């Protein structure tokens, strides 16, 4: 059974997600930005989603977590909840 360790930042607008992605690219800390800006309950853990298995997240996020390269910030990815920036640390 596949599993991954991932974190994300969830915001309401694509523009806000793009701004945060630029800040991450400029070296700002993912966890700090997640705590300050993310509207997901995971924000208090710095956006940490913990160990994720296929089918646990909404489909578009699942696709990023299990199909895209690790250690890269992906997004903005739109879901019914808003716009996500997703980073996968590890996948097996």
N, C-alpha and C. Protein backbone atom coordinates (compact mmCIF):
# COMPACT_ATOMS: atom_id res chain seq x y z
N UNK A 1 0.85 -1.20 0.00
CA UNK A 1 0.00 0.00 0.00
C UNK A 1 0.88 1.24 0.00
N UNK A 2 0.65 2.11 -0.94
CA UNK A 2 1.43 3.34 -1.05
C UNK A 2 1.12 4.27 0.12
N UNK A 3 2.11 5.07 0.47
CA UNK A 3 1.90 6.11 1.46
C UNK A 3 2.88 7.24 1.19
N UNK A 4 2.57 8.42 1.73
CA UNK A 4 3.43 9.58 1.52
C UNK A 4 3.35 10.50 2.73
N UNK A 5 4.37 11.32 2.90
CA UNK A 5 4.36 12.39 3.88
C UNK A 5 4.28 13.69 3.11
N UNK A 6 3.29 14.51 3.45
CA UNK A 6 3.09 15.74 2.69
C UNK A 6 2.63 16.88 3.59
N UNK A 7 2.75 18.09 3.08
CA UNK A 7 2.21 19.27 3.76
C UNK A 7 1.61 20.17 2.70
N UNK A 8 0.71 21.06 3.15
CA UNK A 8 0.11 21.97 2.19
C UNK A 8 -0.30 23.27 2.85
N UNK A 9 -0.55 24.24 2.00
CA UNK A 9 -1.12 25.52 2.41
C UNK A 9 -2.39 25.67 1.59
N UNK A 10 -3.50 25.96 2.27
CA UNK A 10 -4.79 26.14 1.61
C UNK A 10 -5.25 27.58 1.79
N UNK A 11 -5.53 28.25 0.67
CA UNK A 11 -6.03 29.63 0.70
C UNK A 11 -7.25 29.75 -0.21
N UNK A 12 -7.95 30.88 -0.09
CA UNK A 12 -9.19 31.06 -0.84
C UNK A 12 -9.01 31.42 -2.30
N UNK A 13 -7.93 32.16 -2.64
CA UNK A 13 -7.80 32.64 -4.01
C UNK A 13 -6.52 32.15 -4.68
N UNK A 14 -6.59 32.04 -5.99
CA UNK A 14 -5.42 31.63 -6.78
C UNK A 14 -4.31 32.67 -6.64
N UNK A 15 -4.70 33.96 -6.62
CA UNK A 15 -3.72 35.04 -6.50
C UNK A 15 -2.93 34.92 -5.20
N UNK A 16 -3.63 34.62 -4.11
CA UNK A 16 -2.96 34.47 -2.82
C UNK A 16 -2.00 33.27 -2.86
N UNK A 17 -2.43 32.19 -3.49
CA UNK A 17 -1.57 31.00 -3.61
C UNK A 17 -0.32 31.34 -4.42
N UNK A 18 -0.49 32.09 -5.51
CA UNK A 18 0.66 32.48 -6.35
C UNK A 18 1.65 33.33 -5.55
N UNK A 19 1.11 34.27 -4.75
CA UNK A 19 1.97 35.13 -3.93
C UNK A 19 2.79 34.30 -2.94
N UNK A 20 2.11 33.36 -2.28
CA UNK A 20 2.80 32.52 -1.31
C UNK A 20 3.84 31.63 -1.98
N UNK A 21 3.53 31.15 -3.18
CA UNK A 21 4.50 30.32 -3.92
C UNK A 21 5.75 31.13 -4.23
N UNK A 22 5.59 32.39 -4.59
CA UNK A 22 6.74 33.27 -4.86
C UNK A 22 7.57 33.44 -3.58
N UNK A 23 6.88 33.64 -2.46
CA UNK A 23 7.59 33.82 -1.19
C UNK A 23 8.37 32.55 -0.83
N UNK A 24 7.78 31.39 -1.08
CA UNK A 24 8.49 30.13 -0.83
C UNK A 24 9.71 30.02 -1.72
N UNK A 25 9.56 30.40 -3.00
CA UNK A 25 10.68 30.35 -3.95
C UNK A 25 11.81 31.27 -3.52
N UNK A 26 11.46 32.35 -2.80
CA UNK A 26 12.46 33.29 -2.30
C UNK A 26 13.04 32.86 -0.96
N UNK A 27 12.70 31.66 -0.52
CA UNK A 27 13.34 31.11 0.67
C UNK A 27 12.56 31.23 1.97
N UNK A 28 11.32 31.75 1.93
CA UNK A 28 10.56 31.83 3.17
C UNK A 28 10.16 30.42 3.63
N UNK A 29 9.98 30.27 4.93
CA UNK A 29 9.71 28.98 5.52
C UNK A 29 8.27 28.52 5.29
N UNK A 30 8.12 27.31 4.76
CA UNK A 30 6.80 26.75 4.44
C UNK A 30 5.91 26.71 5.69
N UNK A 31 6.45 26.17 6.78
CA UNK A 31 5.65 26.01 8.01
C UNK A 31 5.17 27.36 8.55
N UNK A 32 6.03 28.36 8.51
CA UNK A 32 5.67 29.69 9.00
C UNK A 32 4.54 30.28 8.15
N UNK A 33 4.67 30.17 6.83
CA UNK A 33 3.63 30.69 5.94
C UNK A 33 2.32 29.91 6.10
N UNK A 34 2.42 28.60 6.28
CA UNK A 34 1.22 27.78 6.49
C UNK A 34 0.49 28.22 7.75
N UNK A 35 1.23 28.39 8.84
CA UNK A 35 0.62 28.80 10.12
C UNK A 35 -0.08 30.14 9.99
N UNK A 36 0.51 31.04 9.22
CA UNK A 36 -0.02 32.40 9.11
C UNK A 36 -1.17 32.52 8.10
N UNK A 37 -1.12 31.77 7.01
CA UNK A 37 -2.05 31.99 5.90
C UNK A 37 -3.04 30.87 5.60
N UNK A 38 -2.70 29.62 5.93
CA UNK A 38 -3.55 28.50 5.54
C UNK A 38 -4.86 28.50 6.30
N UNK A 39 -5.95 28.18 5.60
CA UNK A 39 -7.27 28.11 6.23
C UNK A 39 -7.65 26.67 6.59
N UNK A 40 -6.72 25.75 6.41
CA UNK A 40 -6.95 24.35 6.76
C UNK A 40 -6.58 24.14 8.24
N UNK A 41 -7.27 23.23 8.94
CA UNK A 41 -6.88 22.92 10.32
C UNK A 41 -5.42 22.48 10.46
N UNK A 42 -4.82 21.97 9.37
CA UNK A 42 -3.41 21.56 9.42
C UNK A 42 -2.47 22.75 9.59
N UNK A 43 -2.98 23.97 9.45
CA UNK A 43 -2.15 25.17 9.58
C UNK A 43 -1.40 25.20 10.91
N UNK A 44 -2.08 24.78 11.98
CA UNK A 44 -1.41 24.84 13.29
C UNK A 44 -0.22 23.89 13.38
N UNK A 45 -0.14 22.92 12.47
CA UNK A 45 1.02 22.01 12.39
C UNK A 45 1.96 22.42 11.26
N UNK A 46 1.87 23.66 10.82
CA UNK A 46 2.73 24.12 9.73
C UNK A 46 2.34 23.53 8.39
N UNK A 47 1.06 23.14 8.28
CA UNK A 47 0.56 22.57 7.03
C UNK A 47 0.78 21.07 6.91
N UNK A 48 1.36 20.46 7.95
CA UNK A 48 1.70 19.03 7.91
C UNK A 48 0.44 18.17 7.84
N UNK A 49 0.36 17.35 6.81
CA UNK A 49 -0.77 16.43 6.64
C UNK A 49 -0.46 15.06 7.23
N UNK A 50 0.79 14.86 7.65
CA UNK A 50 1.18 13.57 8.20
C UNK A 50 1.26 12.52 7.11
N UNK A 51 1.08 11.27 7.52
CA UNK A 51 1.13 10.16 6.57
C UNK A 51 -0.19 10.06 5.83
N UNK A 52 -0.12 10.08 4.52
CA UNK A 52 -1.31 10.06 3.67
C UNK A 52 -1.29 8.80 2.81
N UNK A 53 -2.44 8.21 2.66
CA UNK A 53 -2.58 7.04 1.77
C UNK A 53 -3.50 7.42 0.60
N UNK A 54 -3.38 6.74 -0.54
CA UNK A 54 -4.23 7.06 -1.68
C UNK A 54 -5.71 7.01 -1.29
N UNK A 55 -6.45 8.01 -1.75
CA UNK A 55 -7.89 8.06 -1.49
C UNK A 55 -8.28 8.84 -0.24
N UNK A 56 -7.29 9.23 0.58
CA UNK A 56 -7.60 9.98 1.80
C UNK A 56 -7.90 11.45 1.51
N UNK A 57 -7.26 12.00 0.51
CA UNK A 57 -7.41 13.42 0.18
C UNK A 57 -8.36 13.53 -1.03
N UNK A 58 -8.80 14.76 -1.30
CA UNK A 58 -9.61 14.95 -2.51
C UNK A 58 -8.76 14.56 -3.72
N UNK A 59 -9.41 14.15 -4.77
CA UNK A 59 -8.73 13.56 -5.94
C UNK A 59 -7.59 14.41 -6.50
N UNK A 60 -7.80 15.71 -6.67
CA UNK A 60 -6.75 16.55 -7.27
C UNK A 60 -5.50 16.61 -6.39
N UNK A 61 -5.68 16.58 -5.08
CA UNK A 61 -4.54 16.61 -4.17
C UNK A 61 -3.86 15.23 -4.14
N UNK A 62 -4.68 14.20 -4.14
CA UNK A 62 -4.17 12.83 -4.24
C UNK A 62 -3.24 12.68 -5.45
N UNK A 63 -3.66 13.23 -6.58
CA UNK A 63 -2.87 13.15 -7.82
C UNK A 63 -1.50 13.79 -7.63
N UNK A 64 -1.47 14.95 -6.97
CA UNK A 64 -0.20 15.64 -6.73
C UNK A 64 0.67 14.80 -5.79
N UNK A 65 0.07 14.35 -4.69
CA UNK A 65 0.84 13.63 -3.67
C UNK A 65 1.44 12.33 -4.22
N UNK A 66 0.69 11.62 -5.06
CA UNK A 66 1.17 10.30 -5.50
C UNK A 66 1.73 10.25 -6.92
N UNK A 67 1.66 11.36 -7.67
CA UNK A 67 2.16 11.31 -9.05
C UNK A 67 3.24 12.34 -9.38
N UNK A 68 3.31 13.43 -8.61
CA UNK A 68 4.26 14.50 -8.94
C UNK A 68 5.58 14.31 -8.19
N UNK A 69 6.64 14.99 -8.67
CA UNK A 69 7.95 14.86 -8.01
C UNK A 69 7.91 15.29 -6.53
N UNK A 70 8.74 14.63 -5.72
CA UNK A 70 8.83 14.98 -4.30
C UNK A 70 9.76 16.18 -4.10
N UNK A 71 9.61 16.83 -2.94
CA UNK A 71 10.44 17.97 -2.51
C UNK A 71 10.32 19.18 -3.42
N UNK A 72 9.18 19.29 -4.11
CA UNK A 72 8.90 20.45 -4.96
C UNK A 72 7.57 21.01 -4.50
N UNK A 73 7.41 22.33 -4.52
CA UNK A 73 6.11 22.92 -4.16
C UNK A 73 5.26 22.95 -5.42
N UNK A 74 4.15 22.22 -5.40
CA UNK A 74 3.23 22.15 -6.54
C UNK A 74 2.03 23.05 -6.29
N UNK A 75 1.53 23.64 -7.36
CA UNK A 75 0.32 24.44 -7.24
C UNK A 75 0.50 25.81 -7.84
N UNK A 76 -0.54 26.61 -7.74
CA UNK A 76 -1.80 26.35 -7.04
C UNK A 76 -2.62 25.22 -7.68
N UNK A 77 -3.16 24.37 -6.83
CA UNK A 77 -4.04 23.28 -7.24
C UNK A 77 -5.42 23.60 -6.70
N UNK A 78 -6.40 23.68 -7.60
CA UNK A 78 -7.76 24.06 -7.18
C UNK A 78 -8.56 22.84 -6.74
N UNK A 79 -9.23 22.98 -5.60
CA UNK A 79 -10.17 21.96 -5.13
C UNK A 79 -11.44 22.68 -4.71
N UNK A 80 -12.42 21.92 -4.23
CA UNK A 80 -13.65 22.57 -3.78
C UNK A 80 -13.41 23.41 -2.52
N UNK A 81 -12.25 23.24 -1.88
CA UNK A 81 -11.94 23.97 -0.65
C UNK A 81 -11.22 25.28 -0.90
N UNK A 82 -10.58 25.39 -2.06
CA UNK A 82 -9.80 26.59 -2.38
C UNK A 82 -8.60 26.21 -3.22
N UNK A 83 -7.49 26.91 -3.00
CA UNK A 83 -6.26 26.68 -3.76
C UNK A 83 -5.16 26.19 -2.83
N UNK A 84 -4.51 25.13 -3.24
CA UNK A 84 -3.50 24.47 -2.41
C UNK A 84 -2.11 24.63 -3.01
N UNK A 85 -1.13 24.78 -2.14
CA UNK A 85 0.27 24.58 -2.49
C UNK A 85 0.64 23.30 -1.75
N UNK A 86 1.17 22.34 -2.47
CA UNK A 86 1.42 21.01 -1.89
C UNK A 86 2.89 20.64 -2.05
N UNK A 87 3.46 20.12 -0.98
CA UNK A 87 4.84 19.63 -1.04
C UNK A 87 4.87 18.22 -0.44
N UNK A 88 5.47 17.30 -1.18
CA UNK A 88 5.61 15.92 -0.72
C UNK A 88 7.05 15.71 -0.29
N UNK A 89 7.24 15.19 0.92
CA UNK A 89 8.59 14.94 1.44
C UNK A 89 9.09 13.59 1.01
N UNK A 90 8.19 12.61 1.00
CA UNK A 90 8.61 11.23 0.94
C UNK A 90 7.42 10.42 0.43
N UNK A 91 7.72 9.43 -0.39
CA UNK A 91 6.64 8.57 -0.90
C UNK A 91 7.19 7.16 -1.08
N UNK A 92 6.39 6.18 -0.73
CA UNK A 92 6.83 4.80 -0.96
C UNK A 92 5.69 3.96 -1.45
